[in-house]
Amino acid sequence: MKIIFFGTGKFGLPTLKKLLQSRHDVLAVVTQPDASKGRGWNVFPTSVKAFIEKAAPDIEVLQPSEVSDPVFIGHIRSIDADVFVVVDYGQILDKQLLELPKEYSVNLHPSLLPAYRGAAPVNRAILNGDRETGNTVIKMTEKMDAGAIIAQEKTLIGDEENAPELIERLAKSGADLLLKTLDLIGSGKARPISQDEADVSYAPKLQKKEGKIDWGTPASDLARKIRAMQPWPGAFTLIDGKVLKIFKTCVIASGEEEGTPGTVIDENEFVVKAGRDALRIDVLQIEGKRKMPRDEFLRGQKVTKGKVLGV
């Protein structure tokens, strides 16, 4: 089939790679405009644009500021695609655009829809302590992540798996699911099933303030938070007035030690009292320094028993 691919971030790259290797014909790639980043505000292409320019430089790359632009829509109409494939694009496609392909506009979403519609489904699933998640391919509608389900696949969430690791795994398995979905569409065997609105939940974009650690929380909940808040905003606390980002921990069963939650109860292993049990901090980054393992940090930073974090 003739495909136009809409994507911006890294999550869409495995799908785009699979499409280029498949019997389908990618006619064009639509991605967000180049963005200014870093201290020098240098302009960088999106992950999708950078990839396609190297992997398939003959494929047209389109970067509309607004997908509702009549000139852009006219051009897309002239390409005459069978299917639009949308993965991690970043703009909402309106009805006029969604109806252009001969078959469907489809979207790959990393959750078990109708659960976790929205921008941060993987992070929210980990944060909430879900045991499983997955990918869903939907027939797109104007309403975000609300289209009928064409295909869905479940996977368990690893006990120590953080959000970037799970996202990477879902991106790879989602690419295979998307290709299977295109086969169903091409053979006329796709049977989209409407989502049950009674089961809908949402996964709004993470906010910076959500990364702040409340040491009065049980250690098991904090460990999930630390895994869920990566790569942004990151889970953070304070030590000696400096921001301390925490990337990896281990829950330590402990008795009812006296003292305030956030208190260091083992200076050699950097174990901190939580609302219930304690956390050993294994990988961290103090303000102004690079990310490092606990042992390296403790060689350069004096952490004494009784020190209280977060103040």
Protein backbone atom coordinates (compact mmCIF):
# COMPACT_ATOMS: atom_id res chain seq x y z
CA MET A 1 0.00 0.00 0.00
CA LYS A 2 0.99 3.63 -0.46
CA ILE A 3 1.82 5.21 2.90
CA ILE A 4 2.35 8.71 4.27
CA PHE A 5 4.12 8.53 7.63
CA PHE A 6 3.50 11.16 10.31
CA GLY A 7 6.03 11.11 13.15
CA THR A 8 8.45 13.26 15.13
CA GLY A 9 10.03 11.53 18.14
CA LYS A 10 12.17 8.41 18.59
CA PHE A 11 9.15 6.25 19.42
CA GLY A 12 8.17 6.27 15.76
CA LEU A 13 11.57 5.28 14.35
CA PRO A 14 11.18 1.47 14.59
CA THR A 15 7.86 1.70 12.73
CA LEU A 16 9.34 3.91 10.01
CA LYS A 17 12.30 1.53 9.62
CA LYS A 18 9.95 -1.45 9.29
CA LEU A 19 7.87 0.39 6.70
CA LEU A 20 10.94 1.15 4.60
CA GLN A 21 11.92 -2.53 4.71
CA SER A 22 8.42 -3.76 3.88
CA ARG A 23 6.55 -4.21 0.62
CA HIS A 24 4.67 -0.97 1.33
CA ASP A 25 5.63 2.26 -0.40
CA VAL A 26 6.39 5.26 1.81
CA LEU A 27 5.55 8.22 -0.40
CA ALA A 28 6.26 11.04 2.08
CA VAL A 29 7.15 11.72 5.69
CA VAL A 30 5.49 14.47 7.72
CA THR A 31 7.26 15.69 10.84
CA GLN A 32 7.33 18.72 13.12
CA PRO A 33 9.40 21.78 12.16
CA ASP A 34 13.06 21.89 13.21
CA ALA A 35 13.47 23.17 16.77
CA SER A 36 16.00 25.34 18.59
CA LYS A 37 17.70 23.58 21.49
CA GLY A 38 20.55 24.00 23.92
CA ARG A 39 22.36 27.02 25.27
CA GLY A 40 23.23 28.31 21.81
CA TRP A 41 19.69 27.80 20.51
CA ASN A 42 21.04 25.87 17.56
CA VAL A 43 18.40 24.46 15.22
CA PHE A 44 18.07 20.67 15.10
CA PRO A 45 15.89 18.40 12.97
CA THR A 46 13.41 16.00 14.55
CA SER A 47 14.52 12.41 15.15
CA VAL A 48 12.36 11.27 12.24
CA LYS A 49 13.75 13.86 9.81
CA ALA A 50 17.35 13.13 10.78
CA PHE A 51 16.76 9.41 10.20
CA ILE A 52 14.90 9.64 6.90
CA GLU A 53 17.40 12.04 5.35
CA LYS A 54 20.09 9.40 5.85
CA ALA A 55 18.09 6.22 5.29
CA ALA A 56 15.93 7.31 2.36
CA PRO A 57 16.92 10.78 1.11
CA ASP A 58 14.67 10.50 -1.94
CA ILE A 59 11.51 10.47 0.19
CA GLU A 60 9.86 13.86 0.51
CA VAL A 61 9.90 15.38 4.03
CA LEU A 62 7.16 17.84 4.93
CA GLN A 63 7.26 20.04 8.06
CA PRO A 64 4.09 22.11 8.34
CA SER A 65 3.74 24.41 11.34
CA GLU A 66 0.03 23.62 11.24
CA VAL A 67 -1.38 20.50 9.59
CA SER A 68 -4.60 22.42 8.95
CA ASP A 69 -2.78 24.69 6.48
CA PRO A 70 -4.76 24.54 3.19
CA VAL A 71 -1.58 24.48 1.08
CA PHE A 72 -0.25 21.50 3.04
CA ILE A 73 -3.58 19.66 2.83
CA GLY A 74 -3.73 20.27 -0.91
CA HIS A 75 -0.28 18.80 -1.35
CA ILE A 76 -1.09 15.76 0.79
CA ARG A 77 -4.25 15.21 -1.25
CA SER A 78 -2.21 15.20 -4.46
CA ILE A 79 0.02 12.40 -3.14
CA ASP A 80 -3.02 10.09 -3.09
CA ALA A 81 -2.02 7.69 -0.30
CA ASP A 82 -3.87 4.55 0.77
CA VAL A 83 -3.07 4.90 4.49
CA PHE A 84 -1.69 7.54 6.84
CA VAL A 85 0.46 6.01 9.59
CA VAL A 86 0.77 8.29 12.63
CA VAL A 87 3.25 7.52 15.44
CA ASP A 88 4.39 10.11 18.01
CA TYR A 89 3.70 13.03 15.69
CA GLY A 90 2.69 15.86 18.03
CA GLN A 91 -0.17 17.57 16.22
CA ILE A 92 -3.85 16.65 16.07
CA LEU A 93 -5.08 15.76 12.59
CA ASP A 94 -8.49 17.22 11.82
CA LYS A 95 -11.32 15.46 10.00
CA GLN A 96 -10.43 17.00 6.65
CA LEU A 97 -6.97 15.47 6.77
CA LEU A 98 -7.98 12.13 8.29
CA GLU A 99 -10.40 11.45 5.47
CA LEU A 100 -7.85 11.92 2.68
CA PRO A 101 -6.36 8.39 2.51
CA LYS A 102 -8.28 5.78 0.51
CA GLU A 103 -8.40 3.40 3.48
CA TYR A 104 -7.64 4.64 7.02
CA SER A 105 -5.55 6.98 9.06
CA VAL A 106 -4.05 4.75 11.79
CA ASN A 107 -2.21 5.58 14.99
CA LEU A 108 0.08 3.49 17.19
CA HIS A 109 -0.42 4.35 20.88
CA PRO A 110 1.63 2.79 23.74
CA SER A 111 -1.19 1.78 26.08
CA LEU A 112 -4.04 -0.68 26.25
CA LEU A 113 -6.71 1.73 25.07
CA PRO A 114 -9.16 2.92 26.27
CA ALA A 115 -6.77 3.15 29.23
CA TYR A 116 -4.31 6.05 29.30
CA ARG A 117 -5.35 8.28 26.46
CA GLY A 118 -2.95 11.19 26.25
CA ALA A 119 0.69 12.23 26.22
CA ALA A 120 2.33 10.10 28.95
CA PRO A 121 0.76 6.63 28.96
CA VAL A 122 3.94 4.69 29.76
CA ASN A 123 5.01 6.98 32.59
CA ARG A 124 1.53 6.92 34.15
CA ALA A 125 1.26 3.14 33.92
CA ILE A 126 4.53 2.71 35.84
CA LEU A 127 3.63 5.45 38.31
CA ASN A 128 0.30 3.81 39.08
CA GLY A 129 1.86 0.40 39.67
CA ASP A 130 0.26 -1.36 36.70
CA ARG A 131 1.50 -4.88 36.08
CA GLU A 132 0.91 -4.78 32.32
CA THR A 133 0.64 -2.37 29.43
CA GLY A 134 0.88 -2.74 25.67
CA ASN A 135 0.32 -1.17 22.26
CA THR A 136 -2.89 -0.34 20.45
CA VAL A 137 -3.43 0.56 16.80
CA ILE A 138 -6.57 2.60 16.19
CA LYS A 139 -8.49 3.98 13.25
CA MET A 140 -8.07 7.67 13.95
CA THR A 141 -10.79 10.19 14.69
CA GLU A 142 -10.56 13.87 15.55
CA LYS A 143 -10.83 13.07 19.26
CA MET A 144 -7.43 12.21 20.74
CA ASP A 145 -6.75 8.46 21.05
CA ALA A 146 -10.49 7.70 20.82
CA GLY A 147 -10.68 5.81 17.53
CA ALA A 148 -11.86 2.26 17.05
CA ILE A 149 -9.31 -0.43 17.95
CA ILE A 150 -7.91 -2.43 15.03
CA ALA A 151 -5.18 -4.34 16.87
CA GLN A 152 -3.85 -4.59 20.41
CA GLU A 153 -1.04 -6.45 22.15
CA LYS A 154 -0.21 -6.79 25.87
CA THR A 155 3.11 -7.03 27.70
CA LEU A 156 4.16 -7.22 31.34
CA ILE A 157 5.98 -4.29 32.92
CA GLY A 158 9.30 -5.36 34.40
CA ASP A 159 9.75 -4.91 38.15
CA GLU A 160 12.80 -2.69 37.62
CA GLU A 161 11.92 -1.31 34.19
CA ASN A 162 11.99 2.47 33.90
CA ALA A 163 9.97 4.55 31.46
CA PRO A 164 12.66 4.98 28.76
CA GLU A 165 13.37 1.24 28.77
CA LEU A 166 9.69 0.35 28.47
CA ILE A 167 9.08 2.97 25.79
CA GLU A 168 11.95 1.57 23.73
CA ARG A 169 10.57 -1.96 24.07
CA LEU A 170 7.05 -0.87 23.12
CA ALA A 171 8.37 1.08 20.14
CA LYS A 172 9.94 -2.09 18.73
CA SER A 173 6.98 -4.40 19.39
CA GLY A 174 4.59 -1.69 18.25
CA ALA A 175 6.31 -1.53 14.87
CA ASP A 176 5.54 -5.22 14.31
CA LEU A 177 1.94 -4.72 15.42
CA LEU A 178 1.54 -1.80 13.03
CA LEU A 179 2.81 -3.85 10.09
CA LYS A 180 0.38 -6.66 10.97
CA THR A 181 -2.39 -4.07 11.06
CA LEU A 182 -1.52 -2.87 7.56
CA ASP A 183 -1.74 -6.47 6.36
CA LEU A 184 -5.24 -6.71 7.86
CA ILE A 185 -6.28 -3.49 6.15
CA GLY A 186 -4.79 -4.51 2.83
CA SER A 187 -6.55 -7.89 2.89
CA GLY A 188 -9.88 -6.38 3.93
CA LYS A 189 -9.82 -8.31 7.23
CA ALA A 190 -9.52 -5.34 9.59
CA ARG A 191 -12.51 -5.12 11.97
CA PRO A 192 -12.21 -1.94 14.07
CA ILE A 193 -13.96 -2.21 17.45
CA SER A 194 -15.22 0.93 19.20
CA GLN A 195 -13.64 1.77 22.54
CA ASP A 196 -15.79 1.43 25.65
CA GLU A 197 -16.08 4.98 26.97
CA ALA A 198 -16.87 3.65 30.45
CA ASP A 199 -13.30 2.32 30.70
CA VAL A 200 -11.52 5.46 29.54
CA SER A 201 -8.66 6.87 31.62
CA TYR A 202 -6.19 9.62 30.82
CA ALA A 203 -2.42 10.11 30.94
CA PRO A 204 -1.73 13.85 30.92
CA LYS A 205 1.71 15.22 30.20
CA LEU A 206 4.06 15.12 33.19
CA GLN A 207 4.72 18.36 35.03
CA LYS A 208 8.03 19.34 36.59
CA LYS A 209 6.56 19.55 40.09
CA GLU A 210 5.54 15.87 39.90
CA GLY A 211 9.19 14.88 40.06
CA LYS A 212 9.64 16.20 43.59
CA ILE A 213 10.10 13.36 46.09
CA ASP A 214 7.90 13.27 49.17
CA TRP A 215 9.89 11.11 51.60
CA GLY A 216 6.74 10.46 53.64
CA THR A 217 5.58 8.16 50.82
CA PRO A 218 6.17 4.39 51.11
CA ALA A 219 9.50 3.32 49.60
CA SER A 220 7.85 1.03 47.02
CA ASP A 221 5.80 3.95 45.69
CA LEU A 222 8.88 6.17 45.56
CA ALA A 223 10.78 3.52 43.60
CA ARG A 224 7.99 3.48 41.00
CA LYS A 225 7.96 7.27 40.86
CA ILE A 226 11.70 7.36 40.22
CA ARG A 227 11.32 4.89 37.34
CA ALA A 228 8.27 6.69 35.94
CA MET A 229 9.69 10.22 35.94
CA GLN A 230 12.50 9.44 33.51
CA PRO A 231 13.76 10.99 31.33
CA TRP A 232 11.82 14.16 32.27
CA PRO A 233 11.18 15.76 34.71
CA GLY A 234 13.27 13.30 36.70
CA ALA A 235 12.72 12.46 40.35
CA PHE A 236 14.51 14.94 42.59
CA THR A 237 15.11 15.98 46.19
CA LEU A 238 17.50 18.35 47.98
CA ILE A 239 20.76 17.63 49.77
CA ASP A 240 22.64 20.47 51.46
CA GLY A 241 20.52 22.91 49.48
CA LYS A 242 21.42 21.38 46.10
CA VAL A 243 19.12 19.49 43.73
CA LEU A 244 19.76 15.74 43.78
CA LYS A 245 18.26 13.74 40.93
CA ILE A 246 17.72 10.04 41.59
CA PHE A 247 17.65 7.49 38.76
CA LYS A 248 17.87 4.05 40.34
CA THR A 249 17.05 2.72 43.80
CA CYS A 250 16.42 -0.44 45.77
CA VAL A 251 13.67 -0.83 48.36
CA ILE A 252 15.10 -1.89 51.74
CA ALA A 253 12.74 -3.47 54.25
CA SER A 254 13.29 -1.78 57.58
CA GLY A 255 11.85 -1.49 61.05
CA GLU A 256 10.19 1.58 62.46
CA GLU A 257 13.31 3.71 62.83
CA GLU A 258 12.84 6.95 64.67
CA GLY A 259 13.26 10.18 62.77
CA THR A 260 11.82 12.17 59.94
CA PRO A 261 11.20 10.53 56.54
CA GLY A 262 14.08 11.60 54.32
CA THR A 263 16.66 10.86 57.02
CA VAL A 264 19.82 8.97 56.04
CA ILE A 265 19.83 5.80 58.14
CA ASP A 266 22.89 4.15 56.55
CA GLU A 267 25.67 6.47 55.39
CA ASN A 268 27.77 3.73 53.80
CA GLU A 269 25.01 2.45 51.51
CA PHE A 270 23.13 5.79 51.24
CA VAL A 271 19.88 4.36 52.60
CA VAL A 272 17.13 6.90 53.26
CA LYS A 273 14.07 6.44 55.48
CA ALA A 274 10.73 6.66 53.67
CA GLY A 275 7.16 6.72 54.95
CA ARG A 276 7.38 2.93 55.07
CA ASP A 277 10.63 0.99 54.65
CA ALA A 278 13.61 2.75 53.08
CA LEU A 279 15.35 3.40 49.77
CA ARG A 280 18.95 2.69 48.89
CA ILE A 281 20.01 5.26 46.30
CA ASP A 282 22.06 3.52 43.62
CA VAL A 283 22.40 5.98 40.69
CA LEU A 284 22.13 9.74 41.14
CA GLN A 285 23.22 13.18 39.97
CA ILE A 286 23.87 16.20 42.15
CA GLU A 287 23.39 19.69 40.78
CA GLY A 288 26.37 20.74 38.63
CA LYS A 289 27.77 17.21 38.28
CA ARG A 290 27.26 14.27 35.94
CA LYS A 291 25.15 11.19 36.59
CA MET A 292 27.08 8.60 38.62
CA PRO A 293 26.77 5.40 40.71
CA ARG A 294 26.38 5.66 44.49
CA ASP A 295 29.93 4.58 45.38
CA GLU A 296 31.50 7.26 43.19
CA PHE A 297 29.16 9.89 44.61
CA LEU A 298 29.98 8.97 48.21
CA ARG A 299 33.72 9.26 47.55
CA GLY A 300 33.26 12.92 46.71
CA GLN A 301 30.29 13.89 48.88
CA LYS A 302 30.11 13.53 52.64
CA VAL A 303 26.79 11.95 53.63
CA THR A 304 26.37 11.40 57.35
CA LYS A 305 23.82 9.32 59.21
CA GLY A 306 21.02 11.56 60.40
CA LYS A 307 21.23 13.97 57.45
CA VAL A 308 17.73 14.83 56.19
CA LEU A 309 17.06 15.11 52.45
CA GLY A 310 14.46 17.35 50.94
CA VAL A 311 15.10 20.42 53.09
